[in-house]
PDB file of N, CA and C in Angstrom:
ATOM      1  N   MET A   1      -2.557   1.572 -31.661  1.00  0.00           N
ATOM      2  CA  MET A   1      -3.433   0.584 -31.085  1.00  0.00           C
ATOM      3  C   MET A   1      -4.454   0.198 -32.144  1.00  0.00           C
ATOM      4  N   ASN A   2      -4.711  -1.113 -32.271  1.00  0.00           N
ATOM      5  CA  ASN A   2      -5.702  -1.517 -33.258  1.00  0.00           C
ATOM      6  C   ASN A   2      -7.113  -1.294 -32.729  1.00  0.00           C
ATOM      7  N   ARG A   3      -8.068  -1.334 -33.629  1.00  0.00           N
ATOM      8  CA  ARG A   3      -9.453  -1.011 -33.280  1.00  0.00           C
ATOM      9  C   ARG A   3     -10.001  -1.969 -32.223  1.00  0.00           C
ATOM     10  N   GLU A   4      -9.702  -3.259 -32.335  1.00  0.00           N
ATOM     11  CA  GLU A   4     -10.215  -4.241 -31.378  1.00  0.00           C
ATOM     12  C   GLU A   4      -9.674  -3.979 -29.975  1.00  0.00           C
ATOM     13  N   ALA A   5      -8.393  -3.674 -29.854  1.00  0.00           N
ATOM     14  CA  ALA A   5      -7.805  -3.367 -28.546  1.00  0.00           C
ATOM     15  C   ALA A   5      -8.421  -2.097 -27.971  1.00  0.00           C
ATOM     16  N   GLY A   6      -8.652  -1.098 -28.803  1.00  0.00           N
ATOM     17  CA  GLY A   6      -9.280   0.137 -28.355  1.00  0.00           C
ATOM     18  C   GLY A   6     -10.690  -0.105 -27.846  1.00  0.00           C
ATOM     19  N   ASN A   7     -11.447  -0.952 -28.545  1.00  0.00           N
ATOM     20  CA  ASN A   7     -12.807  -1.275 -28.113  1.00  0.00           C
ATOM     21  C   ASN A   7     -12.792  -2.035 -26.791  1.00  0.00           C
ATOM     22  N   SER A   8     -11.846  -2.947 -26.617  1.00  0.00           N
ATOM     23  CA  SER A   8     -11.736  -3.705 -25.366  1.00  0.00           C
ATOM     24  C   SER A   8     -11.402  -2.779 -24.208  1.00  0.00           C
ATOM     25  N   SER A   9     -10.488  -1.855 -24.439  1.00  0.00           N
ATOM     26  CA  SER A   9     -10.103  -0.895 -23.411  1.00  0.00           C
ATOM     27  C   SER A   9     -11.289  -0.028 -23.015  1.00  0.00           C
ATOM     28  N   GLN A  10     -12.053   0.444 -23.997  1.00  0.00           N
ATOM     29  CA  GLN A  10     -13.228   1.264 -23.704  1.00  0.00           C
ATOM     30  C   GLN A  10     -14.277   0.460 -22.955  1.00  0.00           C
ATOM     31  N   ALA A  11     -14.427  -0.811 -23.300  1.00  0.00           N
ATOM     32  CA  ALA A  11     -15.404  -1.663 -22.616  1.00  0.00           C
ATOM     33  C   ALA A  11     -15.015  -1.846 -21.151  1.00  0.00           C
ATOM     34  N   LEU A  12     -13.738  -2.064 -20.890  1.00  0.00           N
ATOM     35  CA  LEU A  12     -13.287  -2.234 -19.510  1.00  0.00           C
ATOM     36  C   LEU A  12     -13.442  -0.930 -18.725  1.00  0.00           C
ATOM     37  N   GLN A  13     -13.143   0.192 -19.346  1.00  0.00           N
ATOM     38  CA  GLN A  13     -13.347   1.481 -18.668  1.00  0.00           C
ATOM     39  C   GLN A  13     -14.822   1.703 -18.379  1.00  0.00           C
ATOM     40  N   GLY A  14     -15.682   1.232 -19.273  1.00  0.00           N
ATOM     41  CA  GLY A  14     -17.120   1.328 -19.048  1.00  0.00           C
ATOM     42  C   GLY A  14     -17.567   0.499 -17.859  1.00  0.00           C
ATOM     43  N   ILE A  15     -16.900  -0.610 -17.618  1.00  0.00           N
ATOM     44  CA  ILE A  15     -17.206  -1.448 -16.451  1.00  0.00           C
ATOM     45  C   ILE A  15     -16.744  -0.753 -15.178  1.00  0.00           C
ATOM     46  N   LEU A  16     -15.618  -0.064 -15.238  1.00  0.00           N
ATOM     47  CA  LEU A  16     -15.055   0.580 -14.045  1.00  0.00           C
ATOM     48  C   LEU A  16     -15.719   1.915 -13.707  1.00  0.00           C
ATOM     49  N   SER A  17     -16.166   2.640 -14.699  1.00  0.00           N
ATOM     50  CA  SER A  17     -16.704   3.992 -14.489  1.00  0.00           C
ATOM     51  C   SER A  17     -17.827   4.074 -13.454  1.00  0.00           C
ATOM     52  N   PRO A  18     -18.759   3.119 -13.389  1.00  0.00           N
ATOM     53  CA  PRO A  18     -19.825   3.230 -12.377  1.00  0.00           C
ATOM     54  C   PRO A  18     -19.308   3.255 -10.936  1.00  0.00           C
ATOM     55  N   TYR A  19     -18.157   2.668 -10.673  1.00  0.00           N
ATOM     56  CA  TYR A  19     -17.595   2.713  -9.317  1.00  0.00           C
ATOM     57  C   TYR A  19     -17.260   4.142  -8.904  1.00  0.00           C
ATOM     58  N   LEU A  20     -16.946   4.979  -9.878  1.00  0.00           N
ATOM     59  CA  LEU A  20     -16.586   6.365  -9.591  1.00  0.00           C
ATOM     60  C   LEU A  20     -17.777   7.191  -9.125  1.00  0.00           C
ATOM     61  N   GLU A  21     -18.971   6.667  -9.322  1.00  0.00           N
ATOM     62  CA  GLU A  21     -20.179   7.366  -8.882  1.00  0.00           C
ATOM     63  C   GLU A  21     -20.417   7.216  -7.380  1.00  0.00           C
ATOM     64  N   PHE A  22     -19.746   6.244  -6.740  1.00  0.00           N
ATOM     65  CA  PHE A  22     -19.884   6.073  -5.300  1.00  0.00           C
ATOM     66  C   PHE A  22     -19.105   7.162  -4.583  1.00  0.00           C
ATOM     67  N   ASP A  23     -19.703   7.722  -3.557  1.00  0.00           N
ATOM     68  CA  ASP A  23     -19.084   8.789  -2.788  1.00  0.00           C
ATOM     69  C   ASP A  23     -17.738   8.334  -2.240  1.00  0.00           C
ATOM     70  N   GLY A  24     -16.697   9.101  -2.510  1.00  0.00           N
ATOM     71  CA  GLY A  24     -15.375   8.823  -1.976  1.00  0.00           C
ATOM     72  C   GLY A  24     -14.479   7.988  -2.862  1.00  0.00           C
ATOM     73  N   ILE A  25     -15.002   7.400  -3.937  1.00  0.00           N
ATOM     74  CA  ILE A  25     -14.163   6.607  -4.842  1.00  0.00           C
ATOM     75  C   ILE A  25     -13.573   7.531  -5.899  1.00  0.00           C
ATOM     76  N   ASP A  26     -12.238   7.589  -5.926  1.00  0.00           N
ATOM     77  CA  ASP A  26     -11.535   8.461  -6.874  1.00  0.00           C
ATOM     78  C   ASP A  26     -10.982   7.713  -8.078  1.00  0.00           C
ATOM     79  N   ALA A  27     -10.699   6.416  -7.901  1.00  0.00           N
ATOM     80  CA  ALA A  27     -10.120   5.630  -8.983  1.00  0.00           C
ATOM     81  C   ALA A  27     -10.545   4.178  -8.841  1.00  0.00           C
ATOM     82  N   ALA A  28     -10.709   3.524  -9.978  1.00  0.00           N
ATOM     83  CA  ALA A  28     -11.031   2.105 -10.027  1.00  0.00           C
ATOM     84  C   ALA A  28     -10.104   1.460 -11.053  1.00  0.00           C
ATOM     85  N   MET A  29      -9.550   0.307 -10.685  1.00  0.00           N
ATOM     86  CA  MET A  29      -8.597  -0.357 -11.579  1.00  0.00           C
ATOM     87  C   MET A  29      -8.821  -1.858 -11.580  1.00  0.00           C
ATOM     88  N   LEU A  30      -8.634  -2.476 -12.730  1.00  0.00           N
ATOM     89  CA  LEU A  30      -8.556  -3.923 -12.822  1.00  0.00           C
ATOM     90  C   LEU A  30      -7.083  -4.268 -12.917  1.00  0.00           C
ATOM     91  N   VAL A  31      -6.647  -5.177 -12.054  1.00  0.00           N
ATOM     92  CA  VAL A  31      -5.229  -5.498 -11.945  1.00  0.00           C
ATOM     93  C   VAL A  31      -5.063  -7.007 -11.955  1.00  0.00           C
ATOM     94  N   SER A  32      -4.047  -7.489 -12.635  1.00  0.00           N
ATOM     95  CA  SER A  32      -3.739  -8.920 -12.582  1.00  0.00           C
ATOM     96  C   SER A  32      -3.018  -9.214 -11.273  1.00  0.00           C
ATOM     97  N   THR A  33      -3.123 -10.444 -10.820  1.00  0.00           N
ATOM     98  CA  THR A  33      -2.444 -10.807  -9.575  1.00  0.00           C
ATOM     99  C   THR A  33      -0.924 -10.756  -9.737  1.00  0.00           C
ATOM    100  N   ASP A  34      -0.451 -10.640 -10.966  1.00  0.00           N
ATOM    101  CA  ASP A  34       0.978 -10.439 -11.216  1.00  0.00           C
ATOM    102  C   ASP A  34       1.365  -8.967 -11.114  1.00  0.00           C
ATOM    103  N   GLY A  35       0.376  -8.097 -10.909  1.00  0.00           N
ATOM    104  CA  GLY A  35       0.650  -6.681 -10.740  1.00  0.00           C
ATOM    105  C   GLY A  35       0.576  -5.853 -12.001  1.00  0.00           C
ATOM    106  N   LEU A  36       0.033  -6.402 -13.062  1.00  0.00           N
ATOM    107  CA  LEU A  36      -0.094  -5.649 -14.313  1.00  0.00           C
ATOM    108  C   LEU A  36      -1.418  -4.906 -14.338  1.00  0.00           C
ATOM    109  N   LEU A  37      -1.380  -3.649 -14.696  1.00  0.00           N
ATOM    110  CA  LEU A  37      -2.580  -2.838 -14.813  1.00  0.00           C
ATOM    111  C   LEU A  37      -3.304  -3.237 -16.093  1.00  0.00           C
ATOM    112  N   ILE A  38      -4.555  -3.679 -15.953  1.00  0.00           N
ATOM    113  CA  ILE A  38      -5.351  -4.105 -17.104  1.00  0.00           C
ATOM    114  C   ILE A  38      -6.181  -2.937 -17.632  1.00  0.00           C
ATOM    115  N   ALA A  39      -6.843  -2.229 -16.729  1.00  0.00           N
ATOM    116  CA  ALA A  39      -7.675  -1.075 -17.112  1.00  0.00           C
ATOM    117  C   ALA A  39      -7.849  -0.183 -15.896  1.00  0.00           C
ATOM    118  N   SER A  40      -8.125   1.089 -16.135  1.00  0.00           N
ATOM    119  CA  SER A  40      -8.332   2.014 -15.025  1.00  0.00           C
ATOM    120  C   SER A  40      -9.261   3.134 -15.444  1.00  0.00           C
ATOM    121  N   ALA A  41      -9.869   3.738 -14.438  1.00  0.00           N
ATOM    122  CA  ALA A  41     -10.739   4.896 -14.653  1.00  0.00           C
ATOM    123  C   ALA A  41     -10.618   5.791 -13.430  1.00  0.00           C
ATOM    124  N   GLY A  42     -10.768   7.078 -13.639  1.00  0.00           N
ATOM    125  CA  GLY A  42     -10.758   8.017 -12.520  1.00  0.00           C
ATOM    126  C   GLY A  42      -9.460   8.775 -12.380  1.00  0.00           C
ATOM    127  N   ASN A  43      -9.150   9.114 -11.138  1.00  0.00           N
ATOM    128  CA  ASN A  43      -8.034   9.985 -10.772  1.00  0.00           C
ATOM    129  C   ASN A  43      -6.725   9.608 -11.472  1.00  0.00           C
ATOM    130  N   GLN A  44      -6.110  10.583 -12.088  1.00  0.00           N
ATOM    131  CA  GLN A  44      -4.839  10.398 -12.788  1.00  0.00           C
ATOM    132  C   GLN A  44      -3.634  10.859 -11.952  1.00  0.00           C
ATOM    133  N   GLU A  45      -3.875  11.236 -10.698  1.00  0.00           N
ATOM    134  CA  GLU A  45      -2.838  11.841  -9.863  1.00  0.00           C
ATOM    135  C   GLU A  45      -1.676  10.896  -9.548  1.00  0.00           C
ATOM    136  N   TYR A  46      -1.963   9.611  -9.437  1.00  0.00           N
ATOM    137  CA  TYR A  46      -0.939   8.655  -9.017  1.00  0.00           C
ATOM    138  C   TYR A  46      -0.441   7.830 -10.195  1.00  0.00           C
ATOM    139  N   ASP A  47       0.716   7.243 -10.015  1.00  0.00           N
ATOM    140  CA  ASP A  47       1.265   6.323 -10.998  1.00  0.00           C
ATOM    141  C   ASP A  47       0.484   5.023 -10.894  1.00  0.00           C
ATOM    142  N   ARG A  48      -0.443   4.822 -11.787  1.00  0.00           N
ATOM    143  CA  ARG A  48      -1.346   3.677 -11.721  1.00  0.00           C
ATOM    144  C   ARG A  48      -0.618   2.345 -11.869  1.00  0.00           C
ATOM    145  N   GLU A  49       0.406   2.317 -12.685  1.00  0.00           N
ATOM    146  CA  GLU A  49       1.147   1.065 -12.857  1.00  0.00           C
ATOM    147  C   GLU A  49       1.875   0.682 -11.571  1.00  0.00           C
ATOM    148  N   ALA A  50       2.406   1.673 -10.870  1.00  0.00           N
ATOM    149  CA  ALA A  50       3.053   1.405  -9.582  1.00  0.00           C
ATOM    150  C   ALA A  50       2.018   0.954  -8.553  1.00  0.00           C
ATOM    151  N   LEU A  51       0.852   1.615  -8.518  1.00  0.00           N
ATOM    152  CA  LEU A  51      -0.215   1.202  -7.606  1.00  0.00           C
ATOM    153  C   LEU A  51      -0.651  -0.230  -7.881  1.00  0.00           C
ATOM    154  N   ALA A  52      -0.741  -0.582  -9.145  1.00  0.00           N
ATOM    155  CA  ALA A  52      -1.131  -1.944  -9.506  1.00  0.00           C
ATOM    156  C   ALA A  52      -0.110  -2.951  -8.971  1.00  0.00           C
ATOM    157  N   ALA A  53       1.154  -2.673  -9.177  1.00  0.00           N
ATOM    158  CA  ALA A  53       2.206  -3.588  -8.728  1.00  0.00           C
ATOM    159  C   ALA A  53       2.227  -3.716  -7.209  1.00  0.00           C
ATOM    160  N   TYR A  54       2.164  -2.585  -6.507  1.00  0.00           N
ATOM    161  CA  TYR A  54       2.190  -2.624  -5.043  1.00  0.00           C
ATOM    162  C   TYR A  54       0.942  -3.277  -4.469  1.00  0.00           C
ATOM    163  N   SER A  55      -0.208  -3.002  -5.063  1.00  0.00           N
ATOM    164  CA  SER A  55      -1.433  -3.591  -4.533  1.00  0.00           C
ATOM    165  C   SER A  55      -1.466  -5.099  -4.759  1.00  0.00           C
ATOM    166  N   ALA A  56      -0.889  -5.573  -5.862  1.00  0.00           N
ATOM    167  CA  ALA A  56      -0.797  -7.020  -6.087  1.00  0.00           C
ATOM    168  C   ALA A  56       0.094  -7.664  -5.031  1.00  0.00           C
ATOM    169  N   ALA A  57       1.177  -6.994  -4.677  1.00  0.00           N
ATOM    170  CA  ALA A  57       2.053  -7.514  -3.619  1.00  0.00           C
ATOM    171  C   ALA A  57       1.333  -7.532  -2.277  1.00  0.00           C
ATOM    172  N   ALA A  58       0.539  -6.498  -1.995  1.00  0.00           N
ATOM    173  CA  ALA A  58      -0.225  -6.441  -0.742  1.00  0.00           C
ATOM    174  C   ALA A  58      -1.273  -7.550  -0.701  1.00  0.00           C
ATOM    175  N   LEU A  59      -1.941  -7.774  -1.819  1.00  0.00           N
ATOM    176  CA  LEU A  59      -2.944  -8.832  -1.871  1.00  0.00           C
ATOM    177  C   LEU A  59      -2.286 -10.200  -1.692  1.00  0.00           C
ATOM    178  N   SER A  60      -1.143 -10.381  -2.307  1.00  0.00           N
ATOM    179  CA  SER A  60      -0.396 -11.634  -2.146  1.00  0.00           C
ATOM    180  C   SER A  60      -0.009 -11.857  -0.685  1.00  0.00           C
ATOM    181  N   ALA A  61       0.426 -10.796  -0.015  1.00  0.00           N
ATOM    182  CA  ALA A  61       0.775 -10.902   1.405  1.00  0.00           C
ATOM    183  C   ALA A  61      -0.459 -11.252   2.238  1.00  0.00           C
ATOM    184  N   ALA A  62      -1.607 -10.673   1.902  1.00  0.00           N
ATOM    185  CA  ALA A  62      -2.840 -10.976   2.627  1.00  0.00           C
ATOM    186  C   ALA A  62      -3.245 -12.433   2.434  1.00  0.00           C
ATOM    187  N   VAL A  63      -3.074 -12.955   1.231  1.00  0.00           N
ATOM    188  CA  VAL A  63      -3.368 -14.365   0.972  1.00  0.00           C
ATOM    189  C   VAL A  63      -2.439 -15.245   1.808  1.00  0.00           C
ATOM    190  N   GLY A  64      -1.154 -14.900   1.859  1.00  0.00           N
ATOM    191  CA  GLY A  64      -0.196 -15.644   2.678  1.00  0.00           C
ATOM    192  C   GLY A  64      -0.554 -15.594   4.151  1.00  0.00           C
ATOM    193  N   LEU A  65      -0.965 -14.451   4.630  1.00  0.00           N
ATOM    194  CA  LEU A  65      -1.378 -14.307   6.022  1.00  0.00           C
ATOM    195  C   LEU A  65      -2.607 -15.159   6.314  1.00  0.00           C
ATOM    196  N   ALA A  66      -3.564 -15.157   5.408  1.00  0.00           N
ATOM    197  CA  ALA A  66      -4.760 -15.978   5.582  1.00  0.00           C
ATOM    198  C   ALA A  66      -4.387 -17.462   5.646  1.00  0.00           C
ATOM    199  N   GLU A  67      -3.476 -17.889   4.779  1.00  0.00           N
ATOM    200  CA  GLU A  67      -3.026 -19.284   4.800  1.00  0.00           C
ATOM    201  C   GLU A  67      -2.335 -19.608   6.118  1.00  0.00           C
ATOM    202  N   GLU A  68      -1.529 -18.687   6.621  1.00  0.00           N
ATOM    203  CA  GLU A  68      -0.848 -18.892   7.897  1.00  0.00           C
ATOM    204  C   GLU A  68      -1.849 -19.042   9.036  1.00  0.00           C
ATOM    205  N   LEU A  69      -2.985 -18.357   8.916  1.00  0.00           N
ATOM    206  CA  LEU A  69      -4.039 -18.435   9.922  1.00  0.00           C
ATOM    207  C   LEU A  69      -4.992 -19.598   9.656  1.00  0.00           C
ATOM    208  N   ASP A  70      -4.618 -20.454   8.690  1.00  0.00           N
ATOM    209  CA  ASP A  70      -5.378 -21.646   8.331  1.00  0.00           C
ATOM    210  C   ASP A  70      -6.803 -21.310   7.875  1.00  0.00           C
ATOM    211  N   THR A  71      -6.895 -20.277   7.050  1.00  0.00           N
ATOM    212  CA  THR A  71      -8.171 -19.864   6.484  1.00  0.00           C
ATOM    213  C   THR A  71      -7.918 -19.444   5.039  1.00  0.00           C
ATOM    214  N   ASP A  72      -8.939 -18.949   4.397  1.00  0.00           N
ATOM    215  CA  ASP A  72      -8.729 -18.439   3.045  1.00  0.00           C
ATOM    216  C   ASP A  72      -9.181 -16.989   2.984  1.00  0.00           C
ATOM    217  N   LEU A  73      -8.753 -16.335   1.959  1.00  0.00           N
ATOM    218  CA  LEU A  73      -9.131 -14.930   1.763  1.00  0.00           C
ATOM    219  C   LEU A  73     -10.425 -14.934   0.967  1.00  0.00           C
ATOM    220  N   SER A  74     -11.544 -14.840   1.667  1.00  0.00           N
ATOM    221  CA  SER A  74     -12.838 -14.950   1.000  1.00  0.00           C
ATOM    222  C   SER A  74     -13.474 -13.593   0.725  1.00  0.00           C
ATOM    223  N   GLY A  75     -12.834 -12.524   1.128  1.00  0.00           N
ATOM    224  CA  GLY A  75     -13.410 -11.201   0.923  1.00  0.00           C
ATOM    225  C   GLY A  75     -12.391 -10.214   0.430  1.00  0.00           C
ATOM    226  N   SER A  76     -12.620  -8.980   0.746  1.00  0.00           N
ATOM    227  CA  SER A  76     -11.756  -7.889   0.317  1.00  0.00           C
ATOM    228  C   SER A  76     -10.692  -7.593   1.361  1.00  0.00           C
ATOM    229  N   VAL A  77      -9.646  -6.947   0.904  1.00  0.00           N
ATOM    230  CA  VAL A  77      -8.601  -6.429   1.776  1.00  0.00           C
ATOM    231  C   VAL A  77      -8.694  -4.918   1.702  1.00  0.00           C
ATOM    232  N   THR A  78      -8.720  -4.261   2.857  1.00  0.00           N
ATOM    233  CA  THR A  78      -8.754  -2.805   2.861  1.00  0.00           C
ATOM    234  C   THR A  78      -7.528  -2.266   3.571  1.00  0.00           C
ATOM    235  N   LEU A  79      -7.017  -1.189   3.033  1.00  0.00           N
ATOM    236  CA  LEU A  79      -5.848  -0.522   3.592  1.00  0.00           C
ATOM    237  C   LEU A  79      -6.161   0.958   3.727  1.00  0.00           C
ATOM    238  N   GLU A  80      -5.674   1.546   4.801  1.00  0.00           N
ATOM    239  CA  GLU A  80      -5.769   2.996   4.957  1.00  0.00           C
ATOM    240  C   GLU A  80      -4.351   3.514   5.128  1.00  0.00           C
ATOM    241  N   LEU A  81      -3.959   4.371   4.213  1.00  0.00           N
ATOM    242  CA  LEU A  81      -2.605   4.914   4.217  1.00  0.00           C
ATOM    243  C   LEU A  81      -2.682   6.431   4.102  1.00  0.00           C
ATOM    244  N   ALA A  82      -2.401   7.130   5.186  1.00  0.00           N
ATOM    245  CA  ALA A  82      -2.362   8.600   5.204  1.00  0.00           C
ATOM    246  C   ALA A  82      -3.600   9.213   4.548  1.00  0.00           C
ATOM    247  N   GLY A  83      -4.761   8.724   4.930  1.00  0.00           N
ATOM    248  CA  GLY A  83      -6.000   9.275   4.407  1.00  0.00           C
ATOM    249  C   GLY A  83      -6.441   8.706   3.075  1.00  0.00           C
ATOM    250  N   ASN A  84      -5.636   7.861   2.471  1.00  0.00           N
ATOM    251  CA  ASN A  84      -6.033   7.175   1.241  1.00  0.00           C
ATOM    252  C   ASN A  84      -6.551   5.793   1.618  1.00  0.00           C
ATOM    253  N   HIS A  85      -7.721   5.467   1.121  1.00  0.00           N
ATOM    254  CA  HIS A  85      -8.330   4.174   1.393  1.00  0.00           C
ATOM    255  C   HIS A  85      -8.274   3.332   0.124  1.00  0.00           C
ATOM    256  N   LEU A  86      -7.794   2.104   0.277  1.00  0.00           N
ATOM    257  CA  LEU A  86      -7.724   1.187  -0.849  1.00  0.00           C
ATOM    258  C   LEU A  86      -8.470  -0.081  -0.494  1.00  0.00           C
ATOM    259  N   THR A  87      -9.259  -0.572  -1.430  1.00  0.00           N
ATOM    260  CA  THR A  87      -9.944  -1.846  -1.270  1.00  0.00           C
ATOM    261  C   THR A  87      -9.526  -2.738  -2.419  1.00  0.00           C
ATOM    262  N   LEU A  88      -9.039  -3.929  -2.080  1.00  0.00           N
ATOM    263  CA  LEU A  88      -8.586  -4.914  -3.063  1.00  0.00           C
ATOM    264  C   LEU A  88      -9.553  -6.082  -2.999  1.00  0.00           C
ATOM    265  N   THR A  89     -10.258  -6.327  -4.080  1.00  0.00           N
ATOM    266  CA  THR A  89     -11.273  -7.375  -4.110  1.00  0.00           C
ATOM    267  C   THR A  89     -10.956  -8.381  -5.211  1.00  0.00           C
ATOM    268  N   PRO A  90     -10.600  -9.613  -4.839  1.00  0.00           N
ATOM    269  CA  PRO A  90     -10.353 -10.633  -5.864  1.00  0.00           C
ATOM    270  C   PRO A  90     -11.620 -10.899  -6.677  1.00  0.00           C
ATOM    271  N   LEU A  91     -11.471 -10.954  -7.997  1.00  0.00           N
ATOM    272  CA  LEU A  91     -12.586 -11.257  -8.892  1.00  0.00           C
ATOM    273  C   LEU A  91     -12.469 -12.666  -9.447  1.00  0.00           C
ATOM    274  N   THR A  92     -11.250 -13.030  -9.824  1.00  0.00           N
ATOM    275  CA  THR A  92     -10.938 -14.382 -10.299  1.00  0.00           C
ATOM    276  C   THR A  92      -9.600 -14.756  -9.685  1.00  0.00           C
ATOM    277  N   VAL A  93      -9.098 -15.911 -10.050  1.00  0.00           N
ATOM    278  CA  VAL A  93      -7.789 -16.334  -9.563  1.00  0.00           C
ATOM    279  C   VAL A  93      -6.693 -15.394 -10.055  1.00  0.00           C
ATOM    280  N   ASP A  94      -6.909 -14.776 -11.210  1.00  0.00           N
ATOM    281  CA  ASP A  94      -5.881 -13.958 -11.849  1.00  0.00           C
ATOM    282  C   ASP A  94      -6.151 -12.459 -11.877  1.00  0.00           C
ATOM    283  N   LEU A  95      -7.275 -12.006 -11.344  1.00  0.00           N
ATOM    284  CA  LEU A  95      -7.691 -10.624 -11.519  1.00  0.00           C
ATOM    285  C   LEU A  95      -8.354 -10.084 -10.241  1.00  0.00           C
ATOM    286  N   PHE A  96      -8.040  -8.828  -9.912  1.00  0.00           N
ATOM    287  CA  PHE A  96      -8.729  -8.198  -8.794  1.00  0.00           C
ATOM    288  C   PHE A  96      -9.067  -6.749  -9.120  1.00  0.00           C
ATOM    289  N   LEU A  97     -10.011  -6.249  -8.339  1.00  0.00           N
ATOM    290  CA  LEU A  97     -10.471  -4.867  -8.464  1.00  0.00           C
ATOM    291  C   LEU A  97      -9.821  -4.054  -7.381  1.00  0.00           C
ATOM    292  N   LEU A  98      -9.241  -2.925  -7.746  1.00  0.00           N
ATOM    293  CA  LEU A  98      -8.662  -1.980  -6.803  1.00  0.00           C
ATOM    294  C   LEU A  98      -9.506  -0.715  -6.837  1.00  0.00           C
ATOM    295  N   LEU A  99     -10.075  -0.366  -5.700  1.00  0.00           N
ATOM    296  CA  LEU A  99     -10.814   0.885  -5.554  1.00  0.00           C
ATOM    297  C   LEU A  99     -10.026   1.780  -4.623  1.00  0.00           C
ATOM    298  N   MET A 100      -9.886   3.035  -4.988  1.00  0.00           N
ATOM    299  CA  MET A 100      -9.105   3.972  -4.184  1.00  0.00           C
ATOM    300  C   MET A 100      -9.909   5.237  -3.951  1.00  0.00           C
ATOM    301  N   GLY A 101      -9.851   5.710  -2.720  1.00  0.00           N
ATOM    302  CA  GLY A 101     -10.551   6.940  -2.376  1.00  0.00           C
ATOM    303  C   GLY A 101      -9.804   7.691  -1.298  1.00  0.00           C
ATOM    304  N   SER A 102     -10.236   8.913  -1.089  1.00  0.00           N
ATOM    305  CA  SER A 102      -9.552   9.752  -0.119  1.00  0.00           C
ATOM    306  C   SER A 102     -10.325   9.898   1.184  1.00  0.00           C
ATOM    307  N   ARG A 103     -11.463   9.268   1.267  1.00  0.00           N
ATOM    308  CA  ARG A 103     -12.195   9.251   2.540  1.00  0.00           C
ATOM    309  C   ARG A 103     -13.052   8.030   2.643  1.00  0.00           C
TER     310      ARG A 103
END
C-alpha cells in the first residue's frame, strides 16, 4: 500500500473510531451503496465485506419500499437480527454509515 492510501485509510478510521465510544456500538463502517467496504473500525468478529454487501442490499430494499409508499428515505434504517442491532444511515448518494452493536 502506498503512503497516501495508508494515510487516507487512517483518516477514515479516525472518523469512525468516535462511534465506538457510544455504549453498545461494536463496529462502524463506511460502505458504498454498491456494497463495497470503504473503511471500518471496531469488532473484527464478522466478515466485514459480507456485512457491507448485505447491508447495501438491505438499504436498497428500504429505498425501494419507501418509493413504493410514495415517500423517500430521509432517515436511518435499523435492523435487529438475533440480538445484533444494525443502523444504516445514508451520508451521500453513494455512501452510508453502518453501525453495529449487540444491544
